[in-house]
PDB file of N, CA and C in Angstrom:
ATOM      1  N   MET A   1     140.422 177.320 114.052  1.00  0.00           N
ATOM      2  CA  MET A   1     139.537 177.848 112.934  1.00  0.00           C
ATOM      3  C   MET A   1     138.289 178.326 113.582  1.00  0.00           C
ATOM      4  N   ASN A   2     137.393 179.376 113.316  1.00  0.00           N
ATOM      5  CA  ASN A   2     136.601 179.377 113.313  1.00  0.00           C
ATOM      6  C   ASN A   2     135.145 178.450 112.657  1.00  0.00           C
ATOM      7  N   GLU A   3     134.102 178.453 112.793  1.00  0.00           N
ATOM      8  CA  GLU A   3     132.933 177.775 112.451  1.00  0.00           C
ATOM      9  C   GLU A   3     132.582 178.484 111.434  1.00  0.00           C
ATOM     10  N   LYS A   4     132.528 177.373 110.068  1.00  0.00           N
ATOM     11  CA  LYS A   4     131.774 178.144 108.552  1.00  0.00           C
ATOM     12  C   LYS A   4     130.581 177.785 108.586  1.00  0.00           C
ATOM     13  N   VAL A   5     129.452 178.546 108.198  1.00  0.00           N
ATOM     14  CA  VAL A   5     128.332 177.823 107.868  1.00  0.00           C
ATOM     15  C   VAL A   5     127.418 178.411 106.831  1.00  0.00           C
ATOM     16  N   PHE A   6     127.172 177.388 105.910  1.00  0.00           N
ATOM     17  CA  PHE A   6     126.506 177.234 104.669  1.00  0.00           C
ATOM     18  C   PHE A   6     125.130 177.103 104.574  1.00  0.00           C
ATOM     19  N   ARG A   7     124.156 177.746 104.194  1.00  0.00           N
ATOM     20  CA  ARG A   7     122.960 177.537 104.125  1.00  0.00           C
ATOM     21  C   ARG A   7     122.417 176.297 102.951  1.00  0.00           C
ATOM     22  N   ASP A   8     121.635 175.724 103.095  1.00  0.00           N
ATOM     23  CA  ASP A   8     121.585 175.166 102.343  1.00  0.00           C
ATOM     24  C   ASP A   8     120.176 174.276 102.233  1.00  0.00           C
ATOM     25  N   PRO A   9     119.342 174.104 101.046  1.00  0.00           N
ATOM     26  CA  PRO A   9     117.464 173.972 101.053  1.00  0.00           C
ATOM     27  C   PRO A   9     117.300 172.653 101.765  1.00  0.00           C
ATOM     28  N   VAL A  10     118.441 171.737 101.602  1.00  0.00           N
ATOM     29  CA  VAL A  10     117.802 170.615 101.959  1.00  0.00           C
ATOM     30  C   VAL A  10     118.087 170.382 103.513  1.00  0.00           C
ATOM     31  N   HIS A  11     119.305 170.653 103.841  1.00  0.00           N
ATOM     32  CA  HIS A  11     119.718 170.309 105.000  1.00  0.00           C
ATOM     33  C   HIS A  11     120.008 171.572 105.808  1.00  0.00           C
ATOM     34  N   ASN A  12     119.110 172.518 105.740  1.00  0.00           N
ATOM     35  CA  ASN A  12     119.032 173.750 106.312  1.00  0.00           C
ATOM     36  C   ASN A  12     120.590 174.446 106.542  1.00  0.00           C
ATOM     37  N   TYR A  13     121.409 173.771 107.465  1.00  0.00           N
ATOM     38  CA  TYR A  13     122.611 174.819 107.809  1.00  0.00           C
ATOM     39  C   TYR A  13     123.716 173.813 107.887  1.00  0.00           C
ATOM     40  N   ILE A  14     124.591 174.061 107.157  1.00  0.00           N
ATOM     41  CA  ILE A  14     125.995 173.061 107.228  1.00  0.00           C
ATOM     42  C   ILE A  14     126.931 173.665 108.005  1.00  0.00           C
ATOM     43  N   HIS A  15     127.466 173.177 109.160  1.00  0.00           N
ATOM     44  CA  HIS A  15     128.581 173.504 109.548  1.00  0.00           C
ATOM     45  C   HIS A  15     130.225 172.943 109.303  1.00  0.00           C
ATOM     46  N   VAL A  16     130.684 174.005 108.943  1.00  0.00           N
ATOM     47  CA  VAL A  16     132.400 173.432 108.655  1.00  0.00           C
ATOM     48  C   VAL A  16     132.963 173.668 109.830  1.00  0.00           C
ATOM     49  N   ASN A  17     133.706 172.793 110.525  1.00  0.00           N
ATOM     50  CA  ASN A  17     134.720 173.110 111.644  1.00  0.00           C
ATOM     51  C   ASN A  17     136.456 172.854 111.369  1.00  0.00           C
ATOM     52  N   ASN A  18     136.185 172.168 110.099  1.00  0.00           N
ATOM     53  CA  ASN A  18     137.646 171.386 109.896  1.00  0.00           C
ATOM     54  C   ASN A  18     138.144 172.370 108.809  1.00  0.00           C
ATOM     55  N   GLN A  19     139.307 172.954 109.121  1.00  0.00           N
ATOM     56  CA  GLN A  19     140.299 173.847 108.033  1.00  0.00           C
ATOM     57  C   GLN A  19     140.426 173.300 106.770  1.00  0.00           C
ATOM     58  N   ILE A  20     140.646 171.872 106.933  1.00  0.00           N
ATOM     59  CA  ILE A  20     141.223 171.062 105.482  1.00  0.00           C
ATOM     60  C   ILE A  20     139.493 171.072 104.992  1.00  0.00           C
ATOM     61  N   ILE A  21     138.727 170.833 105.249  1.00  0.00           N
ATOM     62  CA  ILE A  21     137.685 171.074 104.621  1.00  0.00           C
ATOM     63  C   ILE A  21     137.102 172.299 104.053  1.00  0.00           C
ATOM     64  N   TYR A  22     137.399 173.337 104.785  1.00  0.00           N
ATOM     65  CA  TYR A  22     137.090 174.768 104.181  1.00  0.00           C
ATOM     66  C   TYR A  22     138.144 175.407 103.415  1.00  0.00           C
ATOM     67  N   ASP A  23     139.216 174.962 103.475  1.00  0.00           N
ATOM     68  CA  ASP A  23     140.230 174.725 102.228  1.00  0.00           C
ATOM     69  C   ASP A  23     139.979 174.574 101.195  1.00  0.00           C
ATOM     70  N   LEU A  24     139.470 173.047 100.988  1.00  0.00           N
ATOM     71  CA  LEU A  24     138.891 172.740  99.723  1.00  0.00           C
ATOM     72  C   LEU A  24     138.093 173.301  99.210  1.00  0.00           C
ATOM     73  N   ILE A  25     136.979 173.611 100.248  1.00  0.00           N
ATOM     74  CA  ILE A  25     135.616 174.573  99.601  1.00  0.00           C
ATOM     75  C   ILE A  25     136.029 175.205  98.916  1.00  0.00           C
ATOM     76  N   ASN A  26     137.203 176.281  99.566  1.00  0.00           N
ATOM     77  CA  ASN A  26     137.614 177.560  99.022  1.00  0.00           C
ATOM     78  C   ASN A  26     138.695 177.712  97.687  1.00  0.00           C
ATOM     79  N   THR A  27     139.187 176.303  97.292  1.00  0.00           N
ATOM     80  CA  THR A  27     139.714 176.003  95.693  1.00  0.00           C
ATOM     81  C   THR A  27     138.980 176.385  94.649  1.00  0.00           C
ATOM     82  N   LYS A  28     139.673 177.054  93.703  1.00  0.00           N
ATOM     83  CA  LYS A  28     139.083 177.443  92.349  1.00  0.00           C
ATOM     84  C   LYS A  28     137.798 176.264  91.706  1.00  0.00           C
ATOM     85  N   GLU A  29     138.684 175.269  92.069  1.00  0.00           N
ATOM     86  CA  GLU A  29     137.994 173.777  91.132  1.00  0.00           C
ATOM     87  C   GLU A  29     136.596 173.679  91.843  1.00  0.00           C
ATOM     88  N   PHE A  30     136.524 173.871  93.271  1.00  0.00           N
ATOM     89  CA  PHE A  30     135.624 173.480  94.074  1.00  0.00           C
ATOM     90  C   PHE A  30     134.340 174.550  93.973  1.00  0.00           C
ATOM     91  N   GLN A  31     134.693 176.055  93.572  1.00  0.00           N
ATOM     92  CA  GLN A  31     134.013 177.047  93.708  1.00  0.00           C
ATOM     93  C   GLN A  31     133.242 177.119  91.978  1.00  0.00           C
ATOM     94  N   ARG A  32     134.212 176.521  91.241  1.00  0.00           N
ATOM     95  CA  ARG A  32     133.473 176.133  89.860  1.00  0.00           C
ATOM     96  C   ARG A  32     132.213 175.545  89.855  1.00  0.00           C
ATOM     97  N   LEU A  33     132.117 174.794  90.725  1.00  0.00           N
ATOM     98  CA  LEU A  33     130.824 173.550  90.946  1.00  0.00           C
ATOM     99  C   LEU A  33     129.974 174.625  90.928  1.00  0.00           C
ATOM    100  N   ARG A  34     129.584 175.963  91.317  1.00  0.00           N
ATOM    101  CA  ARG A  34     128.569 176.879  91.710  1.00  0.00           C
ATOM    102  C   ARG A  34     128.096 176.830  90.210  1.00  0.00           C
ATOM    103  N   ARG A  35     128.650 177.009  89.094  1.00  0.00           N
ATOM    104  CA  ARG A  35     128.251 177.280  88.090  1.00  0.00           C
ATOM    105  C   ARG A  35     127.823 175.909  87.282  1.00  0.00           C
ATOM    106  N   ILE A  36     127.985 174.697  87.885  1.00  0.00           N
ATOM    107  CA  ILE A  36     127.567 173.477  86.884  1.00  0.00           C
ATOM    108  C   ILE A  36     126.402 172.949  87.684  1.00  0.00           C
ATOM    109  N   LYS A  37     125.126 172.973  87.027  1.00  0.00           N
ATOM    110  CA  LYS A  37     123.829 172.716  87.287  1.00  0.00           C
ATOM    111  C   LYS A  37     123.810 171.281  87.229  1.00  0.00           C
ATOM    112  N   GLN A  38     123.278 170.789  88.526  1.00  0.00           N
ATOM    113  CA  GLN A  38     123.272 169.146  89.236  1.00  0.00           C
ATOM    114  C   GLN A  38     121.751 168.826  88.225  1.00  0.00           C
ATOM    115  N   LEU A  39     121.166 169.449  87.996  1.00  0.00           N
ATOM    116  CA  LEU A  39     119.622 169.254  87.045  1.00  0.00           C
ATOM    117  C   LEU A  39     120.029 169.458  85.792  1.00  0.00           C
ATOM    118  N   GLY A  40     120.626 169.868  84.855  1.00  0.00           N
ATOM    119  CA  GLY A  40     120.933 169.613  83.642  1.00  0.00           C
ATOM    120  C   GLY A  40     119.882 170.990  83.435  1.00  0.00           C
ATOM    121  N   THR A  41     118.691 170.700  82.522  1.00  0.00           N
ATOM    122  CA  THR A  41     118.206 171.899  81.629  1.00  0.00           C
ATOM    123  C   THR A  41     116.657 171.697  82.296  1.00  0.00           C
ATOM    124  N   SER A  42     116.568 170.817  83.167  1.00  0.00           N
ATOM    125  CA  SER A  42     115.295 170.699  83.840  1.00  0.00           C
ATOM    126  C   SER A  42     114.450 172.058  84.967  1.00  0.00           C
ATOM    127  N   SER A  43     115.713 172.775  85.089  1.00  0.00           N
ATOM    128  CA  SER A  43     115.192 173.958  85.876  1.00  0.00           C
ATOM    129  C   SER A  43     114.437 174.917  84.775  1.00  0.00           C
ATOM    130  N   TYR A  44     114.285 174.655  83.607  1.00  0.00           N
ATOM    131  CA  TYR A  44     113.245 175.612  82.682  1.00  0.00           C
ATOM    132  C   TYR A  44     112.160 174.955  82.530  1.00  0.00           C
ATOM    133  N   THR A  45     111.893 173.868  83.375  1.00  0.00           N
ATOM    134  CA  THR A  45     110.736 172.913  83.593  1.00  0.00           C
ATOM    135  C   THR A  45     110.189 173.200  85.095  1.00  0.00           C
ATOM    136  N   PHE A  46     111.136 173.001  85.654  1.00  0.00           N
ATOM    137  CA  PHE A  46     110.527 173.240  87.178  1.00  0.00           C
ATOM    138  C   PHE A  46     111.743 174.240  87.743  1.00  0.00           C
ATOM    139  N   HIS A  47     110.582 175.228  88.065  1.00  0.00           N
ATOM    140  CA  HIS A  47     111.698 176.616  88.203  1.00  0.00           C
ATOM    141  C   HIS A  47     112.192 176.307  89.590  1.00  0.00           C
ATOM    142  N   GLY A  48     111.543 175.675  90.675  1.00  0.00           N
ATOM    143  CA  GLY A  48     112.602 175.237  92.151  1.00  0.00           C
ATOM    144  C   GLY A  48     113.510 173.935  91.621  1.00  0.00           C
ATOM    145  N   GLY A  49     114.029 173.562  90.642  1.00  0.00           N
ATOM    146  CA  GLY A  49     114.706 173.228  90.317  1.00  0.00           C
ATOM    147  C   GLY A  49     116.224 173.574  89.794  1.00  0.00           C
ATOM    148  N   GLU A  50     116.731 174.838  91.003  1.00  0.00           N
ATOM    149  CA  GLU A  50     117.719 175.358  90.909  1.00  0.00           C
ATOM    150  C   GLU A  50     118.549 174.197  91.816  1.00  0.00           C
ATOM    151  N   HIS A  51     119.598 173.518  91.202  1.00  0.00           N
ATOM    152  CA  HIS A  51     120.665 172.742  92.266  1.00  0.00           C
ATOM    153  C   HIS A  51     121.956 172.865  91.830  1.00  0.00           C
ATOM    154  N   SER A  52     122.782 173.050  91.881  1.00  0.00           N
ATOM    155  CA  SER A  52     124.064 173.588  91.621  1.00  0.00           C
ATOM    156  C   SER A  52     125.075 171.850  92.092  1.00  0.00           C
ATOM    157  N   ARG A  53     125.976 171.705  91.410  1.00  0.00           N
ATOM    158  CA  ARG A  53     127.091 170.460  91.565  1.00  0.00           C
ATOM    159  C   ARG A  53     127.419 171.020  93.332  1.00  0.00           C
ATOM    160  N   PHE A  54     127.595 172.629  93.486  1.00  0.00           N
ATOM    161  CA  PHE A  54     128.454 172.930  94.584  1.00  0.00           C
ATOM    162  C   PHE A  54     127.393 172.637  95.712  1.00  0.00           C
ATOM    163  N   SER A  55     125.927 173.106  95.523  1.00  0.00           N
ATOM    164  CA  SER A  55     125.116 172.748  96.924  1.00  0.00           C
ATOM    165  C   SER A  55     125.096 170.821  96.988  1.00  0.00           C
ATOM    166  N   HIS A  56     125.144 170.175  95.903  1.00  0.00           N
ATOM    167  CA  HIS A  56     125.195 168.736  95.998  1.00  0.00           C
ATOM    168  C   HIS A  56     125.954 168.322  96.815  1.00  0.00           C
ATOM    169  N   CYS A  57     127.573 169.287  96.743  1.00  0.00           N
ATOM    170  CA  CYS A  57     128.862 168.524  97.455  1.00  0.00           C
ATOM    171  C   CYS A  57     128.710 168.772  98.582  1.00  0.00           C
ATOM    172  N   LEU A  58     128.313 169.865  98.773  1.00  0.00           N
ATOM    173  CA  LEU A  58     128.113 170.271 100.511  1.00  0.00           C
ATOM    174  C   LEU A  58     126.930 169.555 101.112  1.00  0.00           C
ATOM    175  N   GLY A  59     125.896 169.053 100.366  1.00  0.00           N
ATOM    176  CA  GLY A  59     125.290 168.070 100.970  1.00  0.00           C
ATOM    177  C   GLY A  59     125.833 166.900 101.109  1.00  0.00           C
ATOM    178  N   VAL A  60     126.148 166.548 100.202  1.00  0.00           N
ATOM    179  CA  VAL A  60     127.124 164.897 100.689  1.00  0.00           C
ATOM    180  C   VAL A  60     127.950 165.013 101.618  1.00  0.00           C
ATOM    181  N   TYR A  61     128.739 166.115 101.618  1.00  0.00           N
ATOM    182  CA  TYR A  61     129.544 166.409 103.019  1.00  0.00           C
ATOM    183  C   TYR A  61     128.735 166.162 104.126  1.00  0.00           C
ATOM    184  N   GLU A  62     127.815 166.667 104.512  1.00  0.00           N
ATOM    185  CA  GLU A  62     126.884 166.768 105.430  1.00  0.00           C
ATOM    186  C   GLU A  62     126.686 165.532 105.760  1.00  0.00           C
ATOM    187  N   ILE A  63     125.906 164.994 104.803  1.00  0.00           N
ATOM    188  CA  ILE A  63     125.443 163.390 105.281  1.00  0.00           C
ATOM    189  C   ILE A  63     126.978 162.405 105.653  1.00  0.00           C
ATOM    190  N   ALA A  64     127.892 162.714 104.986  1.00  0.00           N
ATOM    191  CA  ALA A  64     128.989 161.930 105.557  1.00  0.00           C
ATOM    192  C   ALA A  64     129.356 162.145 106.921  1.00  0.00           C
ATOM    193  N   ARG A  65     129.529 163.362 106.956  1.00  0.00           N
ATOM    194  CA  ARG A  65     129.561 164.184 108.243  1.00  0.00           C
ATOM    195  C   ARG A  65     129.162 163.607 109.469  1.00  0.00           C
ATOM    196  N   ARG A  66     127.816 163.578 109.295  1.00  0.00           N
ATOM    197  CA  ARG A  66     126.808 163.239 110.373  1.00  0.00           C
ATOM    198  C   ARG A  66     126.826 161.493 110.406  1.00  0.00           C
ATOM    199  N   ILE A  67     127.262 160.625 109.500  1.00  0.00           N
ATOM    200  CA  ILE A  67     127.378 159.382 109.549  1.00  0.00           C
ATOM    201  C   ILE A  67     128.511 159.236 110.309  1.00  0.00           C
ATOM    202  N   THR A  68     129.619 159.648 109.661  1.00  0.00           N
ATOM    203  CA  THR A  68     131.180 159.619 110.526  1.00  0.00           C
ATOM    204  C   THR A  68     130.889 160.045 112.549  1.00  0.00           C
ATOM    205  N   GLU A  69     130.054 160.891 112.677  1.00  0.00           N
ATOM    206  CA  GLU A  69     129.867 161.274 113.969  1.00  0.00           C
ATOM    207  C   GLU A  69     128.921 160.032 114.578  1.00  0.00           C
ATOM    208  N   ILE A  70     127.917 159.599 113.982  1.00  0.00           N
ATOM    209  CA  ILE A  70     127.252 158.141 114.290  1.00  0.00           C
ATOM    210  C   ILE A  70     128.156 157.150 114.726  1.00  0.00           C
ATOM    211  N   PHE A  71     129.228 156.937 114.014  1.00  0.00           N
ATOM    212  CA  PHE A  71     130.005 155.943 113.958  1.00  0.00           C
ATOM    213  C   PHE A  71     131.254 156.169 115.193  1.00  0.00           C
ATOM    214  N   GLU A  72     131.451 157.609 115.379  1.00  0.00           N
ATOM    215  CA  GLU A  72     132.398 157.821 116.217  1.00  0.00           C
ATOM    216  C   GLU A  72     131.728 157.759 117.748  1.00  0.00           C
ATOM    217  N   GLU A  73     130.268 157.975 117.927  1.00  0.00           N
ATOM    218  CA  GLU A  73     129.802 158.033 118.880  1.00  0.00           C
ATOM    219  C   GLU A  73     129.342 156.675 119.415  1.00  0.00           C
ATOM    220  N   ASN A  74     128.897 155.412 118.604  1.00  0.00           N
ATOM    221  CA  ASN A  74     128.578 154.211 118.941  1.00  0.00           C
ATOM    222  C   ASN A  74     129.629 153.206 118.845  1.00  0.00           C
ATOM    223  N   ILE A  75     130.602 153.298 117.838  1.00  0.00           N
ATOM    224  CA  ILE A  75     131.521 152.438 117.754  1.00  0.00           C
ATOM    225  C   ILE A  75     132.858 152.576 118.259  1.00  0.00           C
ATOM    226  N   LEU A  76     133.341 154.076 118.309  1.00  0.00           N
ATOM    227  CA  LEU A  76     134.664 154.109 119.220  1.00  0.00           C
ATOM    228  C   LEU A  76     134.453 154.540 120.718  1.00  0.00           C
ATOM    229  N   LYS A  77     133.283 154.694 121.081  1.00  0.00           N
ATOM    230  CA  LYS A  77     132.889 155.257 122.389  1.00  0.00           C
ATOM    231  C   LYS A  77     132.492 154.330 123.348  1.00  0.00           C
ATOM    232  N   ASN A  78     131.623 153.387 122.512  1.00  0.00           N
ATOM    233  CA  ASN A  78     130.556 152.457 123.233  1.00  0.00           C
ATOM    234  C   ASN A  78     131.233 151.402 122.605  1.00  0.00           C
ATOM    235  N   GLY A  79     131.655 150.594 121.451  1.00  0.00           N
ATOM    236  CA  GLY A  79     132.420 149.848 121.155  1.00  0.00           C
ATOM    237  C   GLY A  79     130.958 148.939 120.551  1.00  0.00           C
ATOM    238  N   ILE A  80     129.852 149.356 120.360  1.00  0.00           N
ATOM    239  CA  ILE A  80     128.665 148.908 119.490  1.00  0.00           C
ATOM    240  C   ILE A  80     128.272 149.601 118.396  1.00  0.00           C
ATOM    241  N   LEU A  81     127.638 148.817 117.318  1.00  0.00           N
ATOM    242  CA  LEU A  81     127.221 149.301 116.302  1.00  0.00           C
ATOM    243  C   LEU A  81     125.757 149.976 116.434  1.00  0.00           C
ATOM    244  N   PRO A  82     125.420 150.870 115.405  1.00  0.00           N
ATOM    245  CA  PRO A  82     123.838 151.539 115.817  1.00  0.00           C
ATOM    246  C   PRO A  82     122.922 150.699 115.434  1.00  0.00           C
ATOM    247  N   SER A  83     121.906 150.736 115.839  1.00  0.00           N
ATOM    248  CA  SER A  83     120.606 149.665 115.793  1.00  0.00           C
ATOM    249  C   SER A  83     120.086 150.158 114.375  1.00  0.00           C
ATOM    250  N   PRO A  84     119.552 149.267 113.716  1.00  0.00           N
ATOM    251  CA  PRO A  84     118.787 149.448 112.490  1.00  0.00           C
ATOM    252  C   PRO A  84     117.573 150.241 112.354  1.00  0.00           C
ATOM    253  N   SER A  85     117.364 151.315 112.008  1.00  0.00           N
ATOM    254  CA  SER A  85     116.057 151.930 111.986  1.00  0.00           C
ATOM    255  C   SER A  85     114.928 151.436 111.315  1.00  0.00           C
TER     256      SER A  85
END
């Protein structure tokens, strides 16, 4: 699979390398999240508050991917836990 890249206002670019994740993103149920506002009617008051459930879910995916990457590097390869920041 080729890498798919999504532009995100918080995380900059979200890279998807896993075909299963990309197939999930392309389902009609996941795409429907583009039309559901995460912040409800607050976009009428705060014009920068345009945040959909779709972009929220992509952001959650990116954070989970980063955490998993850290676990893989530190726990599986080195056998150590990451130091608290």
